Amino acid sequence: MRIPSPRNLRTILKLIVAVAITALGDTPALTAGLQTDAASGETPFLAENHAAMTRMMDGMSTRPTGDVDRDFVAMMVPHHQGAIDMAQAELRYGHNEQLRRIAQEIIVEQQQEIVAMRVALGQPLPAPAPAPDQQQPASRSAAPAHRTSDQGMQMNMPNPMQGDQR
């Protein structure tokens, strides 16, 4: 049996996803469900999830570079970010406390995995930023309340990975 190339596998996967999305979008049950959802106030949640899915699918459609590891990360980062975006929508609009806790766990775990993949490839990490649903109060200024050092916190502890360098 001949194993398909990664390029062919990606093409097959894209076709399967496209067929599934098209099939779901054309079903009367889904159309009726969307009409019910719109009437029930779920429209913003559905819009955010649709946008997250679109960004994720667009981001996962990358050209192969010839480096399997880089291609894997290039596809997985948007996939994980899509999960983060959908979990944030659950936190904004969901009411089930158990699902909200799961959404929080998804956000933390997926962010950690994105960082781990980038570190494994030696890629720069994105600058830290608050989650989109964490707004700064209008009364606070953007300047820090106390002076900070460019060097950050210094700890004088031995590093077992580097050996004792005294």
C-alpha atoms as a PDB file:
ATOM      1  CA  MET A   1       0.000   0.000   0.000  1.00  0.00           C
ATOM      2  CA  ARG A   2       1.345   3.429  -0.953  1.00  0.00           C
ATOM      3  CA  ILE A   3       1.273   6.094   1.778  1.00  0.00           C
ATOM      4  CA  PRO A   4      -0.020   9.467   0.556  1.00  0.00           C
ATOM      5  CA  SER A   5       2.360  12.421   0.798  1.00  0.00           C
ATOM      6  CA  PRO A   6       1.727  15.095   3.470  1.00  0.00           C
ATOM      7  CA  ARG A   7       0.584  17.463   0.709  1.00  0.00           C
ATOM      8  CA  ASN A   8      -2.008  14.942  -0.507  1.00  0.00           C
ATOM      9  CA  LEU A   9      -3.132  14.256   3.067  1.00  0.00           C
ATOM     10  CA  ARG A  10      -3.657  17.990   3.626  1.00  0.00           C
ATOM     11  CA  THR A  11      -5.675  18.237   0.425  1.00  0.00           C
ATOM     12  CA  ILE A  12      -7.792  15.250   1.433  1.00  0.00           C
ATOM     13  CA  LEU A  13      -8.347  16.723   4.915  1.00  0.00           C
ATOM     14  CA  LYS A  14      -9.370  20.087   3.449  1.00  0.00           C
ATOM     15  CA  LEU A  15     -11.867  18.370   1.158  1.00  0.00           C
ATOM     16  CA  ILE A  16     -13.345  16.347   4.012  1.00  0.00           C
ATOM     17  CA  VAL A  17     -13.717  19.459   6.186  1.00  0.00           C
ATOM     18  CA  ALA A  18     -15.202  21.475   3.314  1.00  0.00           C
ATOM     19  CA  VAL A  19     -17.728  18.723   2.522  1.00  0.00           C
ATOM     20  CA  ALA A  20     -18.676  18.385   6.197  1.00  0.00           C
ATOM     21  CA  ILE A  21     -19.151  22.147   6.644  1.00  0.00           C
ATOM     22  CA  THR A  22     -21.165  22.375   3.432  1.00  0.00           C
ATOM     23  CA  ALA A  23     -23.311  19.392   4.409  1.00  0.00           C
ATOM     24  CA  LEU A  24     -23.984  20.813   7.860  1.00  0.00           C
ATOM     25  CA  GLY A  25     -24.755  24.253   6.475  1.00  0.00           C
ATOM     26  CA  ASP A  26     -27.369  22.878   4.111  1.00  0.00           C
ATOM     27  CA  THR A  27     -29.289  20.790   6.619  1.00  0.00           C
ATOM     28  CA  PRO A  28     -32.776  21.984   7.533  1.00  0.00           C
ATOM     29  CA  ALA A  29     -32.101  21.104  11.183  1.00  0.00           C
ATOM     30  CA  LEU A  30     -29.100  23.417  11.342  1.00  0.00           C
ATOM     31  CA  THR A  31     -30.905  26.188   9.492  1.00  0.00           C
ATOM     32  CA  ALA A  32     -33.859  25.867  11.870  1.00  0.00           C
ATOM     33  CA  GLY A  33     -31.455  25.773  14.803  1.00  0.00           C
ATOM     34  CA  LEU A  34     -29.748  28.974  13.663  1.00  0.00           C
ATOM     35  CA  GLN A  35     -33.116  30.707  13.353  1.00  0.00           C
ATOM     36  CA  THR A  36     -34.051  29.560  16.869  1.00  0.00           C
ATOM     37  CA  ASP A  37     -30.641  30.583  18.188  1.00  0.00           C
ATOM     38  CA  ALA A  38     -30.915  34.037  16.646  1.00  0.00           C
ATOM     39  CA  ALA A  39     -34.272  34.529  18.307  1.00  0.00           C
ATOM     40  CA  SER A  40     -32.902  33.380  21.675  1.00  0.00           C
ATOM     41  CA  GLY A  41     -30.029  35.867  21.794  1.00  0.00           C
ATOM     42  CA  GLU A  42     -27.303  33.381  20.888  1.00  0.00           C
ATOM     43  CA  THR A  43     -26.376  35.354  17.765  1.00  0.00           C
ATOM     44  CA  PRO A  44     -23.220  37.022  19.196  1.00  0.00           C
ATOM     45  CA  PHE A  45     -21.913  33.651  20.414  1.00  0.00           C
ATOM     46  CA  LEU A  46     -22.530  32.024  17.028  1.00  0.00           C
ATOM     47  CA  ALA A  47     -20.929  34.951  15.207  1.00  0.00           C
ATOM     48  CA  GLU A  48     -17.791  34.761  17.382  1.00  0.00           C
ATOM     49  CA  ASN A  49     -17.533  31.006  16.917  1.00  0.00           C
ATOM     50  CA  HIS A  50     -17.994  31.324  13.161  1.00  0.00           C
ATOM     51  CA  ALA A  51     -15.268  33.988  13.025  1.00  0.00           C
ATOM     52  CA  ALA A  52     -12.964  31.817  15.169  1.00  0.00           C
ATOM     53  CA  MET A  53     -13.531  28.794  12.915  1.00  0.00           C
ATOM     54  CA  THR A  54     -12.910  30.850   9.777  1.00  0.00           C
ATOM     55  CA  ARG A  55      -9.659  32.312  11.177  1.00  0.00           C
ATOM     56  CA  MET A  56      -8.572  28.847  12.295  1.00  0.00           C
ATOM     57  CA  MET A  57      -9.241  27.197   8.937  1.00  0.00           C
ATOM     58  CA  ASP A  58      -7.574  30.052   7.041  1.00  0.00           C
ATOM     59  CA  GLY A  59      -4.565  29.907   9.364  1.00  0.00           C
ATOM     60  CA  MET A  60      -4.215  26.159   8.981  1.00  0.00           C
ATOM     61  CA  SER A  61      -4.047  26.470   5.189  1.00  0.00           C
ATOM     62  CA  THR A  62      -0.302  26.972   4.895  1.00  0.00           C
ATOM     63  CA  ARG A  63       2.093  26.132   2.113  1.00  0.00           C
ATOM     64  CA  PRO A  64       4.471  23.295   2.935  1.00  0.00           C
ATOM     65  CA  THR A  65       8.004  24.535   3.600  1.00  0.00           C
ATOM     66  CA  GLY A  66       9.766  21.190   3.366  1.00  0.00           C
ATOM     67  CA  ASP A  67      10.325  21.201   7.129  1.00  0.00           C
ATOM     68  CA  VAL A  68       7.788  18.855   8.734  1.00  0.00           C
ATOM     69  CA  ASP A  69       8.280  20.317  12.209  1.00  0.00           C
ATOM     70  CA  ARG A  70       7.748  23.927  11.074  1.00  0.00           C
ATOM     71  CA  ASP A  71       4.749  22.902   8.967  1.00  0.00           C
ATOM     72  CA  PHE A  72       3.253  21.053  11.943  1.00  0.00           C
ATOM     73  CA  VAL A  73       3.599  24.102  14.194  1.00  0.00           C
ATOM     74  CA  ALA A  74       2.354  26.429  11.439  1.00  0.00           C
ATOM     75  CA  MET A  75      -0.879  24.413  11.290  1.00  0.00           C
ATOM     76  CA  MET A  76      -1.245  23.638  15.002  1.00  0.00           C
ATOM     77  CA  VAL A  77      -0.845  27.206  16.304  1.00  0.00           C
ATOM     78  CA  PRO A  78      -3.961  28.478  14.462  1.00  0.00           C
ATOM     79  CA  HIS A  79      -5.783  25.284  15.502  1.00  0.00           C
ATOM     80  CA  HIS A  80      -4.962  25.911  19.169  1.00  0.00           C
ATOM     81  CA  GLN A  81      -5.769  29.625  18.836  1.00  0.00           C
ATOM     82  CA  GLY A  82      -9.151  28.640  17.392  1.00  0.00           C
ATOM     83  CA  ALA A  83      -9.815  26.545  20.502  1.00  0.00           C
ATOM     84  CA  ILE A  84      -8.798  29.514  22.674  1.00  0.00           C
ATOM     85  CA  ASP A  85     -11.105  31.875  20.765  1.00  0.00           C
ATOM     86  CA  MET A  86     -14.041  29.466  21.052  1.00  0.00           C
ATOM     87  CA  ALA A  87     -13.392  28.934  24.772  1.00  0.00           C
ATOM     88  CA  GLN A  88     -13.358  32.711  25.288  1.00  0.00           C
ATOM     89  CA  ALA A  89     -16.743  32.920  23.581  1.00  0.00           C
ATOM     90  CA  GLU A  90     -18.029  30.275  26.006  1.00  0.00           C
ATOM     91  CA  LEU A  91     -16.745  32.363  28.920  1.00  0.00           C
ATOM     92  CA  ARG A  92     -18.462  35.478  27.560  1.00  0.00           C
ATOM     93  CA  TYR A  93     -21.829  33.901  26.772  1.00  0.00           C
ATOM     94  CA  GLY A  94     -22.057  30.510  28.495  1.00  0.00           C
ATOM     95  CA  HIS A  95     -23.887  29.885  31.761  1.00  0.00           C
ATOM     96  CA  ASN A  96     -22.943  26.300  32.709  1.00  0.00           C
ATOM     97  CA  GLU A  97     -20.260  26.565  35.393  1.00  0.00           C
ATOM     98  CA  GLN A  98     -18.735  23.194  34.556  1.00  0.00           C
ATOM     99  CA  LEU A  99     -18.349  24.170  30.891  1.00  0.00           C
ATOM    100  CA  ARG A 100     -16.959  27.579  31.877  1.00  0.00           C
ATOM    101  CA  ARG A 101     -14.276  25.845  33.981  1.00  0.00           C
ATOM    102  CA  ILE A 102     -13.456  23.558  31.062  1.00  0.00           C
ATOM    103  CA  ALA A 103     -13.214  26.613  28.791  1.00  0.00           C
ATOM    104  CA  GLN A 104     -10.768  28.217  31.236  1.00  0.00           C
ATOM    105  CA  GLU A 105      -8.666  25.038  31.233  1.00  0.00           C
ATOM    106  CA  ILE A 106      -8.705  24.959  27.425  1.00  0.00           C
ATOM    107  CA  ILE A 107      -7.408  28.524  27.274  1.00  0.00           C
ATOM    108  CA  VAL A 108      -4.534  27.853  29.677  1.00  0.00           C
ATOM    109  CA  GLU A 109      -3.558  24.497  28.175  1.00  0.00           C
ATOM    110  CA  GLN A 110      -3.715  25.626  24.560  1.00  0.00           C
ATOM    111  CA  GLN A 111      -1.664  28.761  25.320  1.00  0.00           C
ATOM    112  CA  GLN A 112       0.946  26.591  27.042  1.00  0.00           C
ATOM    113  CA  GLU A 113       1.084  24.234  24.081  1.00  0.00           C
ATOM    114  CA  ILE A 114       1.511  27.130  21.622  1.00  0.00           C
ATOM    115  CA  VAL A 115       4.428  28.414  23.708  1.00  0.00           C
ATOM    116  CA  ALA A 116       5.957  24.918  23.947  1.00  0.00           C
ATOM    117  CA  MET A 117       5.780  24.415  20.171  1.00  0.00           C
ATOM    118  CA  ARG A 118       7.362  27.806  19.469  1.00  0.00           C
ATOM    119  CA  VAL A 119      10.104  27.193  22.033  1.00  0.00           C
ATOM    120  CA  ALA A 120      10.820  23.770  20.485  1.00  0.00           C
ATOM    121  CA  LEU A 121      11.476  25.491  17.143  1.00  0.00           C
ATOM    122  CA  GLY A 122      13.339  28.443  18.637  1.00  0.00           C
ATOM    123  CA  GLN A 123      10.645  30.855  17.427  1.00  0.00           C
ATOM    124  CA  PRO A 124      10.044  34.135  19.254  1.00  0.00           C
ATOM    125  CA  LEU A 125       7.153  34.210  21.674  1.00  0.00           C
ATOM    126  CA  PRO A 126       4.357  36.746  21.297  1.00  0.00           C
ATOM    127  CA  ALA A 127       4.331  39.694  23.676  1.00  0.00           C
ATOM    128  CA  PRO A 128       2.136  39.117  26.727  1.00  0.00           C
ATOM    129  CA  ALA A 129      -1.281  40.698  26.430  1.00  0.00           C
ATOM    130  CA  PRO A 130      -4.523  40.524  28.383  1.00  0.00           C
ATOM    131  CA  ALA A 131      -7.217  38.249  27.046  1.00  0.00           C
ATOM    132  CA  PRO A 132      -9.689  40.073  24.779  1.00  0.00           C
ATOM    133  CA  ASP A 133     -12.405  39.683  27.412  1.00  0.00           C
ATOM    134  CA  GLN A 134     -10.251  41.312  30.117  1.00  0.00           C
ATOM    135  CA  GLN A 135     -10.662  45.042  29.617  1.00  0.00           C
ATOM    136  CA  GLN A 136      -8.713  47.648  31.574  1.00  0.00           C
ATOM    137  CA  PRO A 137     -10.996  49.849  33.699  1.00  0.00           C
ATOM    138  CA  ALA A 138     -11.436  53.276  32.098  1.00  0.00           C
ATOM    139  CA  SER A 139     -10.210  55.040  35.261  1.00  0.00           C
ATOM    140  CA  ARG A 140      -6.782  53.358  35.174  1.00  0.00           C
ATOM    141  CA  SER A 141      -3.916  54.903  33.272  1.00  0.00           C
ATOM    142  CA  ALA A 142      -1.760  52.837  30.934  1.00  0.00           C
ATOM    143  CA  ALA A 143       1.407  53.763  32.878  1.00  0.00           C
ATOM    144  CA  PRO A 144       2.566  51.343  35.571  1.00  0.00           C
ATOM    145  CA  ALA A 145       1.915  52.434  39.153  1.00  0.00           C
ATOM    146  CA  HIS A 146       5.504  51.674  40.137  1.00  0.00           C
ATOM    147  CA  ARG A 147       8.885  51.854  38.437  1.00  0.00           C
ATOM    148  CA  THR A 148       9.989  48.637  36.756  1.00  0.00           C
ATOM    149  CA  SER A 149      13.448  47.491  35.780  1.00  0.00           C
ATOM    150  CA  ASP A 150      14.360  46.338  32.294  1.00  0.00           C
ATOM    151  CA  GLN A 151      16.178  43.399  33.850  1.00  0.00           C
ATOM    152  CA  GLY A 152      13.164  41.989  35.673  1.00  0.00           C
ATOM    153  CA  MET A 153      13.405  40.039  38.894  1.00  0.00           C
ATOM    154  CA  GLN A 154      16.874  38.637  39.600  1.00  0.00           C
ATOM    155  CA  MET A 155      17.213  35.407  41.560  1.00  0.00           C
ATOM    156  CA  ASN A 156      20.618  34.165  42.659  1.00  0.00           C
ATOM    157  CA  MET A 157      19.998  30.431  42.532  1.00  0.00           C
ATOM    158  CA  PRO A 158      22.159  27.662  41.087  1.00  0.00           C
ATOM    159  CA  ASN A 159      20.925  26.153  37.834  1.00  0.00           C
ATOM    160  CA  PRO A 160      21.354  22.348  37.943  1.00  0.00           C
ATOM    161  CA  MET A 161      21.145  22.227  34.135  1.00  0.00           C
ATOM    162  CA  GLN A 162      24.273  24.394  33.747  1.00  0.00           C
ATOM    163  CA  GLY A 163      26.343  22.797  36.501  1.00  0.00           C
ATOM    164  CA  ASP A 164      28.019  24.637  39.346  1.00  0.00           C
ATOM    165  CA  GLN A 165      29.953  27.549  37.830  1.00  0.00           C
ATOM    166  CA  ARG A 166      31.629  29.041  40.931  1.00  0.00           C
END
